[in-house]
Amino acid sequence: MPYYLTQVAYTSEAWATQLKNPVNRTEAIKPAVEKLGGKVESVYYAFGEYDIVAVFQFPENVSASAFSLAVAAGGAIKAIKTTPLMTVEEGIAAMKKAASAGYRPPGR
C-alpha cells in the first residue's frame, strides 16, 4: 500500500482549543483514516511551517486525497500538504525507467 507524508498547520483557534484540553489527535483521526482503507504509520508534532507531520498508508491517491480534503474542510487547519512517498526500491526503479525514457531537453 502506498505511503503519504501529510503536513498540517493548525489555526490559532485550534491551538487554543487543544491547549485548554490536550488530547491525542492520532486517536481522533484514526477512524477516518481506516474508513478510507488507510493506516496511520506515525504522527509527530513539529515546529516551523507545519505543526504536525504524519505518515499514512492509503490504498491509492483518491483515498489519500479524500482524507486531506476532509481534514481541510474541518476548519481547524490553515494549511495541509500531502506528498506521495516511494520506497528506495521504487525510487531506483523510477530512475532506471527515466534513464530509458528518451526525454531530450530543449536544444539537445
PDB file of N, CA and C in Angstrom:
ATOM      1  N   MET A   1       0.861  -1.170   0.000  1.00  0.00           N
ATOM      2  CA  MET A   1       0.000   0.000   0.000  1.00  0.00           C
ATOM      3  C   MET A   1       0.912   1.238   0.000  1.00  0.00           C
ATOM      4  N   PRO A   2       0.622   2.228  -0.840  1.00  0.00           N
ATOM      5  CA  PRO A   2       1.455   3.430  -0.931  1.00  0.00           C
ATOM      6  C   PRO A   2       1.475   4.247   0.363  1.00  0.00           C
ATOM      7  N   TYR A   3       2.587   4.941   0.551  1.00  0.00           N
ATOM      8  CA  TYR A   3       2.781   5.819   1.711  1.00  0.00           C
ATOM      9  C   TYR A   3       2.588   7.272   1.306  1.00  0.00           C
ATOM     10  N   TYR A   4       2.122   8.078   2.272  1.00  0.00           N
ATOM     11  CA  TYR A   4       1.904   9.511   2.054  1.00  0.00           C
ATOM     12  C   TYR A   4       2.382  10.281   3.274  1.00  0.00           C
ATOM     13  N   LEU A   5       3.105  11.346   3.026  1.00  0.00           N
ATOM     14  CA  LEU A   5       3.533  12.268   4.074  1.00  0.00           C
ATOM     15  C   LEU A   5       2.530  13.410   4.104  1.00  0.00           C
ATOM     16  N   THR A   6       1.933  13.664   5.251  1.00  0.00           N
ATOM     17  CA  THR A   6       0.982  14.763   5.392  1.00  0.00           C
ATOM     18  C   THR A   6       1.507  15.733   6.438  1.00  0.00           C
ATOM     19  N   GLN A   7       1.534  17.008   6.067  1.00  0.00           N
ATOM     20  CA  GLN A   7       1.979  18.064   6.961  1.00  0.00           C
ATOM     21  C   GLN A   7       0.803  19.009   7.185  1.00  0.00           C
ATOM     22  N   VAL A   8       0.564  19.362   8.444  1.00  0.00           N
ATOM     23  CA  VAL A   8      -0.604  20.162   8.807  1.00  0.00           C
ATOM     24  C   VAL A   8      -0.179  21.349   9.659  1.00  0.00           C
ATOM     25  N   ALA A   9      -0.765  22.505   9.368  1.00  0.00           N
ATOM     26  CA  ALA A   9      -0.582  23.699  10.205  1.00  0.00           C
ATOM     27  C   ALA A   9      -1.940  24.058  10.798  1.00  0.00           C
ATOM     28  N   TYR A  10      -2.015  24.083  12.129  1.00  0.00           N
ATOM     29  CA  TYR A  10      -3.261  24.411  12.822  1.00  0.00           C
ATOM     30  C   TYR A  10      -3.530  25.916  12.805  1.00  0.00           C
ATOM     31  N   THR A  11      -4.810  26.278  12.901  1.00  0.00           N
ATOM     32  CA  THR A  11      -5.185  27.675  13.112  1.00  0.00           C
ATOM     33  C   THR A  11      -4.907  28.021  14.574  1.00  0.00           C
ATOM     34  N   SER A  12      -4.854  29.301  14.882  1.00  0.00           N
ATOM     35  CA  SER A  12      -4.638  29.709  16.282  1.00  0.00           C
ATOM     36  C   SER A  12      -5.817  29.270  17.149  1.00  0.00           C
ATOM     37  N   GLU A  13      -7.012  29.250  16.575  1.00  0.00           N
ATOM     38  CA  GLU A  13      -8.182  28.799  17.325  1.00  0.00           C
ATOM     39  C   GLU A  13      -8.071  27.310  17.682  1.00  0.00           C
ATOM     40  N   ALA A  14      -7.579  26.517  16.750  1.00  0.00           N
ATOM     41  CA  ALA A  14      -7.408  25.084  17.013  1.00  0.00           C
ATOM     42  C   ALA A  14      -6.367  24.862  18.106  1.00  0.00           C
ATOM     43  N   TRP A  15      -5.302  25.654  18.075  1.00  0.00           N
ATOM     44  CA  TRP A  15      -4.297  25.542  19.144  1.00  0.00           C
ATOM     45  C   TRP A  15      -4.889  25.933  20.488  1.00  0.00           C
ATOM     46  N   ALA A  16      -5.680  26.997  20.517  1.00  0.00           N
ATOM     47  CA  ALA A  16      -6.295  27.438  21.771  1.00  0.00           C
ATOM     48  C   ALA A  16      -7.186  26.334  22.349  1.00  0.00           C
ATOM     49  N   THR A  17      -7.943  25.677  21.495  1.00  0.00           N
ATOM     50  CA  THR A  17      -8.800  24.577  21.940  1.00  0.00           C
ATOM     51  C   THR A  17      -7.968  23.434  22.503  1.00  0.00           C
ATOM     52  N   GLN A  18      -6.884  23.098  21.823  1.00  0.00           N
ATOM     53  CA  GLN A  18      -6.039  21.991  22.280  1.00  0.00           C
ATOM     54  C   GLN A  18      -5.293  22.318  23.577  1.00  0.00           C
ATOM     55  N   LEU A  19      -4.933  23.580  23.748  1.00  0.00           N
ATOM     56  CA  LEU A  19      -4.260  23.970  24.989  1.00  0.00           C
ATOM     57  C   LEU A  19      -5.196  23.860  26.185  1.00  0.00           C
ATOM     58  N   LYS A  20      -6.474  24.140  25.956  1.00  0.00           N
ATOM     59  CA  LYS A  20      -7.466  24.009  27.034  1.00  0.00           C
ATOM     60  C   LYS A  20      -7.713  22.560  27.403  1.00  0.00           C
ATOM     61  N   ASN A  21      -7.661  21.686  26.395  1.00  0.00           N
ATOM     62  CA  ASN A  21      -7.952  20.270  26.614  1.00  0.00           C
ATOM     63  C   ASN A  21      -7.075  19.415  25.690  1.00  0.00           C
ATOM     64  N   PRO A  22      -5.810  19.198  26.077  1.00  0.00           N
ATOM     65  CA  PRO A  22      -4.917  18.404  25.224  1.00  0.00           C
ATOM     66  C   PRO A  22      -5.408  16.952  25.083  1.00  0.00           C
ATOM     67  N   VAL A  23      -5.483  16.504  23.842  1.00  0.00           N
ATOM     68  CA  VAL A  23      -5.870  15.116  23.569  1.00  0.00           C
ATOM     69  C   VAL A  23      -4.957  14.555  22.476  1.00  0.00           C
ATOM     70  N   ASN A  24      -4.887  13.254  22.419  1.00  0.00           N
ATOM     71  CA  ASN A  24      -4.095  12.591  21.388  1.00  0.00           C
ATOM     72  C   ASN A  24      -4.882  12.614  20.082  1.00  0.00           C
ATOM     73  N   ARG A  25      -4.517  13.503  19.183  1.00  0.00           N
ATOM     74  CA  ARG A  25      -5.240  13.648  17.916  1.00  0.00           C
ATOM     75  C   ARG A  25      -5.069  12.426  17.023  1.00  0.00           C
ATOM     76  N   THR A  26      -4.038  11.637  17.257  1.00  0.00           N
ATOM     77  CA  THR A  26      -3.861  10.417  16.470  1.00  0.00           C
ATOM     78  C   THR A  26      -5.072   9.510  16.633  1.00  0.00           C
ATOM     79  N   GLU A  27      -5.537   9.380  17.866  1.00  0.00           N
ATOM     80  CA  GLU A  27      -6.712   8.549  18.123  1.00  0.00           C
ATOM     81  C   GLU A  27      -7.966   9.149  17.489  1.00  0.00           C
ATOM     82  N   ALA A  28      -8.019  10.462  17.373  1.00  0.00           N
ATOM     83  CA  ALA A  28      -9.186  11.128  16.786  1.00  0.00           C
ATOM     84  C   ALA A  28      -9.253  10.940  15.275  1.00  0.00           C
ATOM     85  N   ILE A  29      -8.094  10.900  14.606  1.00  0.00           N
ATOM     86  CA  ILE A  29      -8.093  10.787  13.142  1.00  0.00           C
ATOM     87  C   ILE A  29      -8.070   9.345  12.646  1.00  0.00           C
ATOM     88  N   LYS A  30      -7.652   8.426  13.511  1.00  0.00           N
ATOM     89  CA  LYS A  30      -7.501   7.026  13.114  1.00  0.00           C
ATOM     90  C   LYS A  30      -8.765   6.432  12.492  1.00  0.00           C
ATOM     91  N   PRO A  31      -9.956   6.643  13.061  1.00  0.00           N
ATOM     92  CA  PRO A  31     -11.157   6.071  12.438  1.00  0.00           C
ATOM     93  C   PRO A  31     -11.396   6.571  11.007  1.00  0.00           C
ATOM     94  N   ALA A  32     -11.146   7.843  10.757  1.00  0.00           N
ATOM     95  CA  ALA A  32     -11.345   8.382   9.403  1.00  0.00           C
ATOM     96  C   ALA A  32     -10.341   7.779   8.427  1.00  0.00           C
ATOM     97  N   VAL A  33      -9.099   7.652   8.854  1.00  0.00           N
ATOM     98  CA  VAL A  33      -8.068   7.044   8.008  1.00  0.00           C
ATOM     99  C   VAL A  33      -8.450   5.607   7.677  1.00  0.00           C
ATOM    100  N   GLU A  34      -8.856   4.859   8.695  1.00  0.00           N
ATOM    101  CA  GLU A  34      -9.223   3.456   8.489  1.00  0.00           C
ATOM    102  C   GLU A  34     -10.472   3.304   7.631  1.00  0.00           C
ATOM    103  N   LYS A  35     -11.418   4.219   7.773  1.00  0.00           N
ATOM    104  CA  LYS A  35     -12.642   4.159   6.956  1.00  0.00           C
ATOM    105  C   LYS A  35     -12.316   4.320   5.471  1.00  0.00           C
ATOM    106  N   LEU A  36     -11.220   5.036   5.186  1.00  0.00           N
ATOM    107  CA  LEU A  36     -10.781   5.228   3.803  1.00  0.00           C
ATOM    108  C   LEU A  36      -9.810   4.130   3.359  1.00  0.00           C
ATOM    109  N   GLY A  37      -9.676   3.095   4.171  1.00  0.00           N
ATOM    110  CA  GLY A  37      -8.820   1.971   3.818  1.00  0.00           C
ATOM    111  C   GLY A  37      -7.363   2.179   4.171  1.00  0.00           C
ATOM    112  N   GLY A  38      -7.072   3.215   4.955  1.00  0.00           N
ATOM    113  CA  GLY A  38      -5.693   3.556   5.275  1.00  0.00           C
ATOM    114  C   GLY A  38      -5.228   3.090   6.632  1.00  0.00           C
ATOM    115  N   LYS A  39      -3.989   3.441   6.935  1.00  0.00           N
ATOM    116  CA  LYS A  39      -3.359   3.081   8.194  1.00  0.00           C
ATOM    117  C   LYS A  39      -2.477   4.244   8.638  1.00  0.00           C
ATOM    118  N   VAL A  40      -2.528   4.572   9.930  1.00  0.00           N
ATOM    119  CA  VAL A  40      -1.657   5.596  10.498  1.00  0.00           C
ATOM    120  C   VAL A  40      -0.320   4.932  10.813  1.00  0.00           C
ATOM    121  N   GLU A  41       0.737   5.374  10.145  1.00  0.00           N
ATOM    122  CA  GLU A  41       2.071   4.824  10.398  1.00  0.00           C
ATOM    123  C   GLU A  41       2.742   5.545  11.563  1.00  0.00           C
ATOM    124  N   SER A  42       2.768   6.875  11.510  1.00  0.00           N
ATOM    125  CA  SER A  42       3.400   7.664  12.569  1.00  0.00           C
ATOM    126  C   SER A  42       2.905   9.099  12.508  1.00  0.00           C
ATOM    127  N   VAL A  43       2.872   9.742  13.671  1.00  0.00           N
ATOM    128  CA  VAL A  43       2.440  11.135  13.774  1.00  0.00           C
ATOM    129  C   VAL A  43       3.393  11.843  14.734  1.00  0.00           C
ATOM    130  N   TYR A  44       3.842  13.027  14.334  1.00  0.00           N
ATOM    131  CA  TYR A  44       4.776  13.799  15.153  1.00  0.00           C
ATOM    132  C   TYR A  44       4.332  15.249  15.233  1.00  0.00           C
ATOM    133  N   TYR A  45       4.511  15.855  16.405  1.00  0.00           N
ATOM    134  CA  TYR A  45       4.402  17.308  16.498  1.00  0.00           C
ATOM    135  C   TYR A  45       5.702  17.880  15.971  1.00  0.00           C
ATOM    136  N   ALA A  46       5.612  19.038  15.360  1.00  0.00           N
ATOM    137  CA  ALA A  46       6.793  19.687  14.803  1.00  0.00           C
ATOM    138  C   ALA A  46       6.685  21.187  15.071  1.00  0.00           C
ATOM    139  N   PHE A  47       7.742  21.896  14.823  1.00  0.00           N
ATOM    140  CA  PHE A  47       7.652  23.350  14.880  1.00  0.00           C
ATOM    141  C   PHE A  47       8.284  23.895  13.617  1.00  0.00           C
ATOM    142  N   GLY A  48       7.822  25.067  13.247  1.00  0.00           N
ATOM    143  CA  GLY A  48       8.216  25.640  11.967  1.00  0.00           C
ATOM    144  C   GLY A  48       6.966  25.911  11.163  1.00  0.00           C
ATOM    145  N   GLU A  49       7.038  25.669   9.877  1.00  0.00           N
ATOM    146  CA  GLU A  49       5.914  25.958   8.985  1.00  0.00           C
ATOM    147  C   GLU A  49       4.702  25.064   9.263  1.00  0.00           C
ATOM    148  N   TYR A  50       4.947  23.823   9.663  1.00  0.00           N
ATOM    149  CA  TYR A  50       3.875  22.876   9.938  1.00  0.00           C
ATOM    150  C   TYR A  50       3.933  22.405  11.391  1.00  0.00           C
ATOM    151  N   ASP A  51       2.771  22.135  11.957  1.00  0.00           N
ATOM    152  CA  ASP A  51       2.663  21.739  13.358  1.00  0.00           C
ATOM    153  C   ASP A  51       2.632  20.225  13.550  1.00  0.00           C
ATOM    154  N   ILE A  52       2.128  19.512  12.563  1.00  0.00           N
ATOM    155  CA  ILE A  52       2.011  18.059  12.606  1.00  0.00           C
ATOM    156  C   ILE A  52       2.626  17.487  11.336  1.00  0.00           C
ATOM    157  N   VAL A  53       3.364  16.416  11.494  1.00  0.00           N
ATOM    158  CA  VAL A  53       3.903  15.661  10.366  1.00  0.00           C
ATOM    159  C   VAL A  53       3.475  14.216  10.582  1.00  0.00           C
ATOM    160  N   ALA A  54       2.845  13.634   9.581  1.00  0.00           N
ATOM    161  CA  ALA A  54       2.341  12.270   9.724  1.00  0.00           C
ATOM    162  C   ALA A  54       2.643  11.457   8.472  1.00  0.00           C
ATOM    163  N   VAL A  55       2.814  10.167   8.662  1.00  0.00           N
ATOM    164  CA  VAL A  55       2.967   9.240   7.550  1.00  0.00           C
ATOM    165  C   VAL A  55       1.794   8.268   7.609  1.00  0.00           C
ATOM    166  N   PHE A  56       1.098   8.174   6.492  1.00  0.00           N
ATOM    167  CA  PHE A  56      -0.055   7.291   6.365  1.00  0.00           C
ATOM    168  C   PHE A  56       0.176   6.316   5.229  1.00  0.00           C
ATOM    169  N   GLN A  57      -0.565   5.226   5.260  1.00  0.00           N
ATOM    170  CA  GLN A  57      -0.694   4.357   4.107  1.00  0.00           C
ATOM    171  C   GLN A  57      -2.142   4.449   3.655  1.00  0.00           C
ATOM    172  N   PHE A  58      -2.333   4.602   2.346  1.00  0.00           N
ATOM    173  CA  PHE A  58      -3.665   4.571   1.755  1.00  0.00           C
ATOM    174  C   PHE A  58      -3.613   3.669   0.532  1.00  0.00           C
ATOM    175  N   PRO A  59      -4.753   3.079   0.159  1.00  0.00           N
ATOM    176  CA  PRO A  59      -4.750   2.160  -0.981  1.00  0.00           C
ATOM    177  C   PRO A  59      -4.358   2.822  -2.299  1.00  0.00           C
ATOM    178  N   GLU A  60      -4.679   4.117  -2.444  1.00  0.00           N
ATOM    179  CA  GLU A  60      -4.375   4.836  -3.685  1.00  0.00           C
ATOM    180  C   GLU A  60      -4.553   6.334  -3.450  1.00  0.00           C
ATOM    181  N   ASN A  61      -4.237   7.110  -4.490  1.00  0.00           N
ATOM    182  CA  ASN A  61      -4.264   8.572  -4.384  1.00  0.00           C
ATOM    183  C   ASN A  61      -5.636   9.136  -4.041  1.00  0.00           C
ATOM    184  N   VAL A  62      -6.690   8.538  -4.544  1.00  0.00           N
ATOM    185  CA  VAL A  62      -8.035   9.064  -4.296  1.00  0.00           C
ATOM    186  C   VAL A  62      -8.359   9.037  -2.800  1.00  0.00           C
ATOM    187  N   SER A  63      -8.029   7.945  -2.122  1.00  0.00           N
ATOM    188  CA  SER A  63      -8.296   7.853  -0.688  1.00  0.00           C
ATOM    189  C   SER A  63      -7.415   8.821   0.106  1.00  0.00           C
ATOM    190  N   ALA A  64      -6.153   8.951  -0.281  1.00  0.00           N
ATOM    191  CA  ALA A  64      -5.252   9.901   0.385  1.00  0.00           C
ATOM    192  C   ALA A  64      -5.760  11.321   0.208  1.00  0.00           C
ATOM    193  N   SER A  65      -6.203  11.634  -0.987  1.00  0.00           N
ATOM    194  CA  SER A  65      -6.743  12.965  -1.261  1.00  0.00           C
ATOM    195  C   SER A  65      -8.038  13.203  -0.490  1.00  0.00           C
ATOM    196  N   ALA A  66      -8.876  12.199  -0.405  1.00  0.00           N
ATOM    197  CA  ALA A  66     -10.136  12.325   0.337  1.00  0.00           C
ATOM    198  C   ALA A  66      -9.863  12.658   1.799  1.00  0.00           C
ATOM    199  N   PHE A  67      -8.856  12.015   2.386  1.00  0.00           N
ATOM    200  CA  PHE A  67      -8.510  12.321   3.775  1.00  0.00           C
ATOM    201  C   PHE A  67      -8.048  13.771   3.902  1.00  0.00           C
ATOM    202  N   SER A  68      -7.169  14.207   3.022  1.00  0.00           N
ATOM    203  CA  SER A  68      -6.686  15.588   3.059  1.00  0.00           C
ATOM    204  C   SER A  68      -7.826  16.584   2.896  1.00  0.00           C
ATOM    205  N   LEU A  69      -8.739  16.295   1.992  1.00  0.00           N
ATOM    206  CA  LEU A  69      -9.885  17.184   1.772  1.00  0.00           C
ATOM    207  C   LEU A  69     -10.783  17.240   2.999  1.00  0.00           C
ATOM    208  N   ALA A  70     -11.023  16.088   3.616  1.00  0.00           N
ATOM    209  CA  ALA A  70     -11.867  16.049   4.818  1.00  0.00           C
ATOM    210  C   ALA A  70     -11.239  16.854   5.946  1.00  0.00           C
ATOM    211  N   VAL A  71      -9.936  16.710   6.128  1.00  0.00           N
ATOM    212  CA  VAL A  71      -9.237  17.459   7.176  1.00  0.00           C
ATOM    213  C   VAL A  71      -9.290  18.955   6.877  1.00  0.00           C
ATOM    214  N   ALA A  72      -9.029  19.330   5.629  1.00  0.00           N
ATOM    215  CA  ALA A  72      -9.051  20.744   5.249  1.00  0.00           C
ATOM    216  C   ALA A  72     -10.435  21.349   5.444  1.00  0.00           C
ATOM    217  N   ALA A  73     -11.468  20.578   5.150  1.00  0.00           N
ATOM    218  CA  ALA A  73     -12.845  21.077   5.271  1.00  0.00           C
ATOM    219  C   ALA A  73     -13.283  21.230   6.726  1.00  0.00           C
ATOM    220  N   GLY A  74     -12.567  20.603   7.646  1.00  0.00           N
ATOM    221  CA  GLY A  74     -12.936  20.657   9.060  1.00  0.00           C
ATOM    222  C   GLY A  74     -12.779  22.025   9.700  1.00  0.00           C
ATOM    223  N   GLY A  75     -11.937  22.882   9.144  1.00  0.00           N
ATOM    224  CA  GLY A  75     -11.791  24.245   9.640  1.00  0.00           C
ATOM    225  C   GLY A  75     -10.756  24.457  10.737  1.00  0.00           C
ATOM    226  N   ALA A  76     -10.093  23.398  11.202  1.00  0.00           N
ATOM    227  CA  ALA A  76      -9.126  23.542  12.291  1.00  0.00           C
ATOM    228  C   ALA A  76      -7.696  23.767  11.802  1.00  0.00           C
ATOM    229  N   ILE A  77      -7.511  23.724  10.483  1.00  0.00           N
ATOM    230  CA  ILE A  77      -6.161  23.903   9.957  1.00  0.00           C
ATOM    231  C   ILE A  77      -6.111  25.063   8.974  1.00  0.00           C
ATOM    232  N   LYS A  78      -4.933  25.669   8.874  1.00  0.00           N
ATOM    233  CA  LYS A  78      -4.755  26.751   7.910  1.00  0.00           C
ATOM    234  C   LYS A  78      -3.997  26.282   6.681  1.00  0.00           C
ATOM    235  N   ALA A  79      -3.339  25.126   6.776  1.00  0.00           N
ATOM    236  CA  ALA A  79      -2.617  24.580   5.624  1.00  0.00           C
ATOM    237  C   ALA A  79      -2.453  23.075   5.790  1.00  0.00           C
ATOM    238  N   ILE A  80      -2.488  22.380   4.654  1.00  0.00           N
ATOM    239  CA  ILE A  80      -2.218  20.944   4.631  1.00  0.00           C
ATOM    240  C   ILE A  80      -1.477  20.640   3.343  1.00  0.00           C
ATOM    241  N   LYS A  81      -0.502  19.771   3.459  1.00  0.00           N
ATOM    242  CA  LYS A  81       0.296  19.370   2.297  1.00  0.00           C
ATOM    243  C   LYS A  81       0.473  17.862   2.360  1.00  0.00           C
ATOM    244  N   THR A  82       0.083  17.163   1.303  1.00  0.00           N
ATOM    245  CA  THR A  82       0.232  15.717   1.242  1.00  0.00           C
ATOM    246  C   THR A  82       1.172  15.369   0.097  1.00  0.00           C
ATOM    247  N   THR A  83       2.184  14.570   0.400  1.00  0.00           N
ATOM    248  CA  THR A  83       3.199  14.188  -0.578  1.00  0.00           C
ATOM    249  C   THR A  83       3.225  12.672  -0.701  1.00  0.00           C
ATOM    250  N   PRO A  84       3.011  12.146  -1.915  1.00  0.00           N
ATOM    251  CA  PRO A  84       3.157  10.708  -2.107  1.00  0.00           C
ATOM    252  C   PRO A  84       4.621  10.318  -1.885  1.00  0.00           C
ATOM    253  N   LEU A  85       4.847   9.199  -1.216  1.00  0.00           N
ATOM    254  CA  LEU A  85       6.203   8.728  -0.941  1.00  0.00           C
ATOM    255  C   LEU A  85       6.473   7.436  -1.701  1.00  0.00           C
ATOM    256  N   MET A  86       7.738   7.219  -2.039  1.00  0.00           N
ATOM    257  CA  MET A  86       8.158   5.975  -2.672  1.00  0.00           C
ATOM    258  C   MET A  86       9.219   5.322  -1.804  1.00  0.00           C
ATOM    259  N   THR A  87       9.240   4.018  -1.807  1.00  0.00           N
ATOM    260  CA  THR A  87      10.328   3.309  -1.142  1.00  0.00           C
ATOM    261  C   THR A  87      11.609   3.561  -1.946  1.00  0.00           C
ATOM    262  N   VAL A  88      12.751   3.270  -1.356  1.00  0.00           N
ATOM    263  CA  VAL A  88      14.019   3.419  -2.070  1.00  0.00           C
ATOM    264  C   VAL A  88      14.011   2.550  -3.322  1.00  0.00           C
ATOM    265  N   GLU A  89      13.481   1.353  -3.206  1.00  0.00           N
ATOM    266  CA  GLU A  89      13.411   0.441  -4.358  1.00  0.00           C
ATOM    267  C   GLU A  89      12.565   1.043  -5.483  1.00  0.00           C
ATOM    268  N   GLU A  90      11.427   1.645  -5.119  1.00  0.00           N
ATOM    269  CA  GLU A  90      10.584   2.287  -6.132  1.00  0.00           C
ATOM    270  C   GLU A  90      11.305   3.470  -6.769  1.00  0.00           C
ATOM    271  N   GLY A  91      12.037   4.233  -5.965  1.00  0.00           N
ATOM    272  CA  GLY A  91      12.800   5.359  -6.493  1.00  0.00           C
ATOM    273  C   GLY A  91      13.860   4.912  -7.487  1.00  0.00           C
ATOM    274  N   ILE A  92      14.564   3.835  -7.163  1.00  0.00           N
ATOM    275  CA  ILE A  92      15.579   3.302  -8.071  1.00  0.00           C
ATOM    276  C   ILE A  92      14.934   2.805  -9.353  1.00  0.00           C
ATOM    277  N   ALA A  93      13.797   2.133  -9.237  1.00  0.00           N
ATOM    278  CA  ALA A  93      13.083   1.662 -10.427  1.00  0.00           C
ATOM    279  C   ALA A  93      12.662   2.848 -11.292  1.00  0.00           C
ATOM    280  N   ALA A  94      12.224   3.931 -10.652  1.00  0.00           N
ATOM    281  CA  ALA A  94      11.833   5.132 -11.408  1.00  0.00           C
ATOM    282  C   ALA A  94      13.038   5.739 -12.117  1.00  0.00           C
ATOM    283  N   MET A  95      14.197   5.773 -11.441  1.00  0.00           N
ATOM    284  CA  MET A  95      15.408   6.313 -12.081  1.00  0.00           C
ATOM    285  C   MET A  95      15.805   5.486 -13.288  1.00  0.00           C
ATOM    286  N   LYS A  96      15.723   4.142 -13.156  1.00  0.00           N
ATOM    287  CA  LYS A  96      16.066   3.266 -14.279  1.00  0.00           C
ATOM    288  C   LYS A  96      15.112   3.494 -15.447  1.00  0.00           C
ATOM    289  N   LYS A  97      13.837   3.653 -15.124  1.00  0.00           N
ATOM    290  CA  LYS A  97      12.840   3.884 -16.176  1.00  0.00           C
ATOM    291  C   LYS A  97      13.070   5.240 -16.836  1.00  0.00           C
ATOM    292  N   ALA A  98      13.401   6.244 -16.020  1.00  0.00           N
ATOM    293  CA  ALA A  98      13.663   7.592 -16.550  1.00  0.00           C
ATOM    294  C   ALA A  98      14.869   7.582 -17.482  1.00  0.00           C
ATOM    295  N   ALA A  99      15.880   6.804 -17.138  1.00  0.00           N
ATOM    296  CA  ALA A  99      17.098   6.750 -17.950  1.00  0.00           C
ATOM    297  C   ALA A  99      16.820   6.221 -19.352  1.00  0.00           C
ATOM    298  N   SER A 100      15.790   5.411 -19.487  1.00  0.00           N
ATOM    299  CA  SER A 100      15.477   4.843 -20.795  1.00  0.00           C
ATOM    300  C   SER A 100      14.248   5.484 -21.443  1.00  0.00           C
ATOM    301  N   ALA A 101      13.760   6.577 -20.868  1.00  0.00           N
ATOM    302  CA  ALA A 101      12.541   7.209 -21.379  1.00  0.00           C
ATOM    303  C   ALA A 101      12.738   7.930 -22.707  1.00  0.00           C
ATOM    304  N   GLY A 102      13.954   8.321 -23.016  1.00  0.00           N
ATOM    305  CA  GLY A 102      14.213   9.000 -24.279  1.00  0.00           C
ATOM    306  C   GLY A 102      13.924  10.497 -24.257  1.00  0.00           C
ATOM    307  N   TYR A 103      13.731  11.081 -23.087  1.00  0.00           N
ATOM    308  CA  TYR A 103      13.482  12.522 -22.998  1.00  0.00           C
ATOM    309  C   TYR A 103      14.724  13.289 -23.409  1.00  0.00           C
ATOM    310  N   ARG A 104      14.508  14.359 -24.177  1.00  0.00           N
ATOM    311  CA  ARG A 104      15.600  15.245 -24.562  1.00  0.00           C
ATOM    312  C   ARG A 104      15.223  16.664 -24.180  1.00  0.00           C
ATOM    313  N   PRO A 105      16.081  17.360 -23.412  1.00  0.00           N
ATOM    314  CA  PRO A 105      15.781  18.741 -23.048  1.00  0.00           C
ATOM    315  C   PRO A 105      15.818  19.649 -24.267  1.00  0.00           C
ATOM    316  N   PRO A 106      15.186  20.805 -24.202  1.00  0.00           N
ATOM    317  CA  PRO A 106      15.204  21.732 -25.333  1.00  0.00           C
ATOM    318  C   PRO A 106      16.641  22.061 -25.749  1.00  0.00           C
ATOM    319  N   GLY A 107      16.853  22.124 -27.047  1.00  0.00           N
ATOM    320  CA  GLY A 107      18.167  22.482 -27.585  1.00  0.00           C
ATOM    321  C   GLY A 107      19.139  21.315 -27.687  1.00  0.00           C
ATOM    322  N   ARG A 108      18.702  20.124 -27.396  1.00  0.00           N
ATOM    323  CA  ARG A 108      19.612  18.965 -27.489  1.00  0.00           C
ATOM    324  C   ARG A 108      19.093  17.948 -28.454  1.00  0.00           C
TER     325      ARG A 108
END
